[in-house]
N, C-alpha and C. Protein backbone atom coordinates (compact mmCIF):
# COMPACT_ATOMS: atom_id res chain seq x y z
N LYS A 1 242.13 45.94 216.51
CA LYS A 1 240.78 45.50 216.35
C LYS A 1 240.87 44.07 216.35
N PHE A 2 239.73 43.39 216.53
CA PHE A 2 239.47 42.06 215.86
C PHE A 2 238.89 41.79 214.73
N TRP A 3 239.21 40.81 214.15
CA TRP A 3 238.36 40.62 212.56
C TRP A 3 236.89 40.92 212.67
N PHE A 4 236.34 40.25 213.86
CA PHE A 4 234.66 40.13 213.81
C PHE A 4 234.32 42.02 213.91
N GLN A 5 235.23 42.76 214.47
CA GLN A 5 234.76 44.24 214.95
C GLN A 5 235.08 45.18 213.39
N ASN A 6 235.93 44.81 212.51
CA ASN A 6 236.04 45.37 211.17
C ASN A 6 234.89 44.82 210.21
N ARG A 7 234.44 43.46 210.62
CA ARG A 7 233.49 42.94 209.43
C ARG A 7 232.17 43.87 210.13
N ARG A 8 231.96 43.95 211.59
CA ARG A 8 230.83 44.50 211.89
C ARG A 8 230.79 46.11 211.37
N THR A 9 232.00 46.62 211.09
CA THR A 9 232.09 48.21 210.95
C THR A 9 231.50 48.11 209.51
N GLN A 10 232.14 47.22 208.75
CA GLN A 10 231.65 47.43 207.01
C GLN A 10 230.34 46.94 206.81
N MET A 11 229.75 45.99 207.90
CA MET A 11 228.24 45.71 207.43
C MET A 11 227.37 47.08 207.82
N LYS A 12 227.86 47.61 209.05
CA LYS A 12 227.10 48.96 209.41
C LYS A 12 227.10 49.79 208.25
N THR A 13 228.48 50.01 207.78
CA THR A 13 228.57 51.07 206.63
C THR A 13 227.94 50.75 205.46
N GLN A 14 227.99 49.31 204.98
CA GLN A 14 227.07 49.09 203.92
C GLN A 14 225.53 49.26 204.08
N GLN A 15 224.93 48.83 205.28
CA GLN A 15 223.75 48.82 205.75
C GLN A 15 223.27 50.51 205.72
N GLU A 16 224.39 51.41 206.13
CA GLU A 16 224.01 52.84 206.16
C GLU A 16 224.08 53.49 204.68
N ARG A 17 224.51 53.01 203.72
CA ARG A 17 224.74 53.48 202.10
C ARG A 17 223.28 52.82 201.60
N HIS A 18 223.03 51.55 202.12
CA HIS A 18 221.66 51.16 201.39
C HIS A 18 220.78 52.04 202.17
N GLU A 19 220.33 52.02 203.11
CA GLU A 19 219.68 53.44 203.88
C GLU A 19 219.50 54.45 203.04
N ASN A 20 220.93 55.27 202.60
CA ASN A 20 220.81 56.37 201.94
C ASN A 20 220.23 56.40 200.80
N VAL A 21 220.50 55.22 200.19
CA VAL A 21 219.87 55.03 198.66
C VAL A 21 218.46 55.09 198.88
N ILE A 22 217.95 54.29 199.58
CA ILE A 22 216.44 54.43 199.97
C ILE A 22 215.99 55.22 200.21
N LEU A 23 216.35 56.10 201.31
CA LEU A 23 216.12 57.53 201.53
C LEU A 23 216.04 58.56 200.54
N ARG A 24 217.14 58.47 199.65
CA ARG A 24 217.23 59.38 198.26
C ARG A 24 216.11 59.08 197.62
N GLN A 25 215.90 57.79 197.20
CA GLN A 25 215.02 57.43 196.28
C GLN A 25 213.53 58.00 196.82
N GLU A 26 213.25 57.63 198.25
CA GLU A 26 211.86 58.15 198.76
C GLU A 26 211.84 59.50 199.11
N ASN A 27 212.96 60.39 198.68
CA ASN A 27 213.08 61.69 198.82
C ASN A 27 212.73 62.28 197.63
N GLU A 28 213.58 61.96 196.34
CA GLU A 28 212.87 61.90 194.93
C GLU A 28 211.62 61.95 194.72
N LYS A 29 210.93 60.79 195.20
CA LYS A 29 209.60 60.53 194.80
C LYS A 29 208.81 61.60 195.70
N LEU A 30 208.98 61.91 196.91
CA LEU A 30 208.04 62.95 197.49
C LEU A 30 208.41 64.26 196.64
N ARG A 31 209.49 64.47 196.35
CA ARG A 31 209.54 65.95 195.43
C ARG A 31 208.78 66.08 194.27
N ALA A 32 208.89 64.56 193.76
CA ALA A 32 207.99 64.32 192.42
C ALA A 32 206.52 64.89 192.73
N GLU A 33 206.08 64.17 193.67
CA GLU A 33 205.13 64.32 194.41
C GLU A 33 204.30 65.90 194.72
N ASN A 34 205.37 66.27 195.36
CA ASN A 34 204.87 67.78 195.73
C ASN A 34 205.08 68.57 194.36
N GLY A 35 205.95 68.37 193.51
CA GLY A 35 206.21 69.18 192.26
C GLY A 35 204.56 68.95 191.68
N PHE A 36 204.08 67.94 191.36
CA PHE A 36 203.02 67.54 191.32
C PHE A 36 201.86 68.35 191.62
N LEU A 37 201.67 68.04 192.88
CA LEU A 37 200.86 68.74 194.01
C LEU A 37 200.62 70.38 193.50
N LYS A 38 201.98 70.94 193.53
CA LYS A 38 201.98 72.12 193.06
C LYS A 38 201.28 72.80 191.98
N ASP A 39 201.31 71.90 191.03
CA ASP A 39 201.47 72.13 189.55
C ASP A 39 199.70 72.09 189.65
N ALA A 40 199.02 71.18 190.37
CA ALA A 40 197.82 70.97 190.44
C ALA A 40 197.31 72.18 191.41
N MET A 41 198.04 72.68 192.08
CA MET A 41 197.38 74.06 192.85
C MET A 41 197.30 75.31 192.04
N ARG A 42 198.01 75.12 190.93
CA ARG A 42 198.09 76.40 190.15
C ARG A 42 196.86 76.35 189.65
N SER A 43 196.33 75.28 188.84
CA SER A 43 195.00 75.39 188.24
C SER A 43 194.00 74.22 189.02
N PRO A 44 193.61 74.84 189.77
CA PRO A 44 192.63 73.95 190.66
C PRO A 44 191.31 73.66 189.86
N VAL A 45 190.98 72.23 190.26
CA VAL A 45 189.76 71.99 189.29
C VAL A 45 188.90 71.40 190.51
N CYS A 46 187.52 71.58 190.38
CA CYS A 46 186.41 70.98 191.25
C CYS A 46 186.35 69.10 191.02
N ASN A 47 186.59 68.74 191.94
CA ASN A 47 186.50 67.24 191.94
C ASN A 47 185.05 66.76 191.44
N ASN A 48 184.10 67.42 192.05
CA ASN A 48 182.56 67.18 191.68
C ASN A 48 181.89 67.57 190.19
N CYS A 49 182.68 68.78 190.00
CA CYS A 49 181.83 69.46 188.83
C CYS A 49 182.78 69.55 187.58
N GLY A 50 184.12 69.40 187.57
CA GLY A 50 185.03 69.88 187.02
C GLY A 50 185.25 71.21 186.85
N GLY A 51 184.87 72.19 187.50
CA GLY A 51 184.77 73.74 186.94
C GLY A 51 185.94 74.23 187.75
N ALA A 52 186.32 75.48 187.77
CA ALA A 52 187.53 76.07 188.29
C ALA A 52 187.06 76.42 189.85
N VAL A 53 188.23 76.31 190.52
CA VAL A 53 187.85 76.50 192.25
C VAL A 53 188.35 77.82 192.53
N ILE A 54 187.76 78.41 193.28
CA ILE A 54 187.98 79.89 193.74
C ILE A 54 189.29 79.72 194.93
N PRO A 55 190.27 80.34 194.44
CA PRO A 55 191.21 80.11 194.98
C PRO A 55 191.13 80.48 196.87
N GLY A 56 191.50 80.09 197.73
CA GLY A 56 191.27 80.34 198.95
C GLY A 56 190.41 79.14 199.82
N GLU A 57 189.57 78.52 198.93
CA GLU A 57 188.58 77.66 199.55
C GLU A 57 189.39 76.31 199.57
N VAL A 58 189.48 75.65 200.65
CA VAL A 58 190.14 74.58 200.61
C VAL A 58 189.52 73.59 201.66
N SER A 59 189.10 72.29 201.16
CA SER A 59 187.89 71.56 202.13
C SER A 59 188.84 71.05 203.30
N TYR A 60 187.94 70.45 204.16
CA TYR A 60 188.69 69.70 205.55
C TYR A 60 189.67 68.81 204.72
N GLU A 61 189.07 67.91 204.25
CA GLU A 61 189.99 66.63 203.42
C GLU A 61 191.21 66.87 202.94
N GLN A 62 191.17 68.14 202.15
CA GLN A 62 192.11 68.64 201.51
C GLN A 62 193.22 69.31 202.84
N GLN A 63 192.50 69.69 203.59
CA GLN A 63 193.57 70.35 204.64
C GLN A 63 194.08 69.28 205.53
N GLN A 64 193.48 68.17 205.60
CA GLN A 64 193.84 66.89 206.33
C GLN A 64 195.04 66.58 205.37
N GLN A 65 195.10 66.24 204.41
CA GLN A 65 195.84 65.76 203.42
C GLN A 65 197.23 66.72 203.48
N LEU A 66 197.28 67.79 203.51
CA LEU A 66 198.38 68.68 203.59
C LEU A 66 199.06 68.63 204.66
N ARG A 67 198.00 68.64 205.77
CA ARG A 67 198.94 68.25 206.89
C ARG A 67 199.75 66.98 207.07
N ILE A 68 199.10 66.15 206.81
CA ILE A 68 199.67 64.67 206.65
C ILE A 68 200.95 64.72 205.66
N GLU A 69 200.74 65.36 204.64
CA GLU A 69 202.02 65.70 203.90
C GLU A 69 202.96 66.43 204.54
N ASN A 70 202.83 67.59 205.30
CA ASN A 70 203.74 68.47 205.80
C ASN A 70 204.35 67.44 206.94
N ALA A 71 203.62 66.75 207.55
CA ALA A 71 204.27 66.01 208.56
C ALA A 71 204.99 64.71 208.07
N LYS A 72 204.68 64.31 206.89
CA LYS A 72 205.80 63.18 206.20
C LYS A 72 207.03 64.03 205.89
N LEU A 73 206.72 65.21 205.27
CA LEU A 73 208.01 65.92 204.82
C LEU A 73 208.83 66.62 205.38
N LYS A 74 208.31 66.67 206.92
CA LYS A 74 208.98 67.21 208.07
C LYS A 74 209.86 66.00 208.55
N ASP A 75 209.50 64.73 208.72
CA ASP A 75 210.01 63.79 209.08
C ASP A 75 211.26 63.38 208.44
N GLU A 76 210.88 63.31 207.01
CA GLU A 76 211.85 62.85 205.87
C GLU A 76 213.12 63.72 206.26
N LEU A 77 213.09 65.18 206.50
CA LEU A 77 214.20 66.13 206.31
C LEU A 77 214.55 65.93 207.67
N ASP A 78 213.90 65.43 209.00
CA ASP A 78 214.69 65.07 209.99
C ASP A 78 215.52 63.71 209.85
N ARG A 79 215.00 62.59 209.30
CA ARG A 79 215.65 61.67 209.02
C ARG A 79 217.07 61.60 207.99
N ILE A 80 216.89 62.75 207.10
CA ILE A 80 217.88 63.12 206.25
C ILE A 80 218.97 63.58 207.02
N CYS A 81 218.61 64.54 207.76
CA CYS A 81 219.57 65.58 208.58
C CYS A 81 220.28 64.76 209.45
N ALA A 82 219.70 63.72 210.24
CA ALA A 82 220.28 62.92 211.28
C ALA A 82 221.05 62.15 210.44
N LEU A 83 220.74 61.62 209.16
CA LEU A 83 221.66 60.66 208.62
C LEU A 83 222.97 61.48 208.24
N ALA A 84 222.75 62.77 207.78
CA ALA A 84 223.69 63.43 207.26
C ALA A 84 224.97 63.88 208.29
N ASN A 85 224.21 64.06 209.38
CA ASN A 85 225.02 64.52 210.78
C ASN A 85 225.83 63.20 211.03
N ARG A 86 225.19 62.08 210.86
CA ARG A 86 225.89 60.68 211.32
C ARG A 86 227.20 60.70 210.26
N PHE A 87 227.23 60.80 209.15
CA PHE A 87 228.26 60.82 208.18
C PHE A 87 229.37 62.35 208.41
N ILE A 88 228.86 63.32 208.69
CA ILE A 88 229.57 64.48 208.88
C ILE A 88 230.06 64.36 210.30
N GLY A 89 229.24 64.05 211.18
CA GLY A 89 229.68 64.23 212.61
C GLY A 89 230.60 62.89 213.05
N GLY A 90 230.29 62.10 212.11
CA GLY A 90 231.55 60.75 212.59
C GLY A 90 231.06 59.64 212.75
């Protein structure tokens, strides 16, 4: 191998480690947000009047927000799995 191939490999590894750190931080942030939302769903409060919300009633906006969050979480899971496969698979 030539010196530049080793350097390129080192830089790629360093970049992957940095990306891994960023993904872990983002994952922790999403987990914290998810926990906050789960707690909020345990005792829902109406945004308009502050009263209790009847379970099962989910507004269209809330449904859209949940769909967006689910898509983000699925994408995050796919990225983490791909990254893990890169490290495990070689």
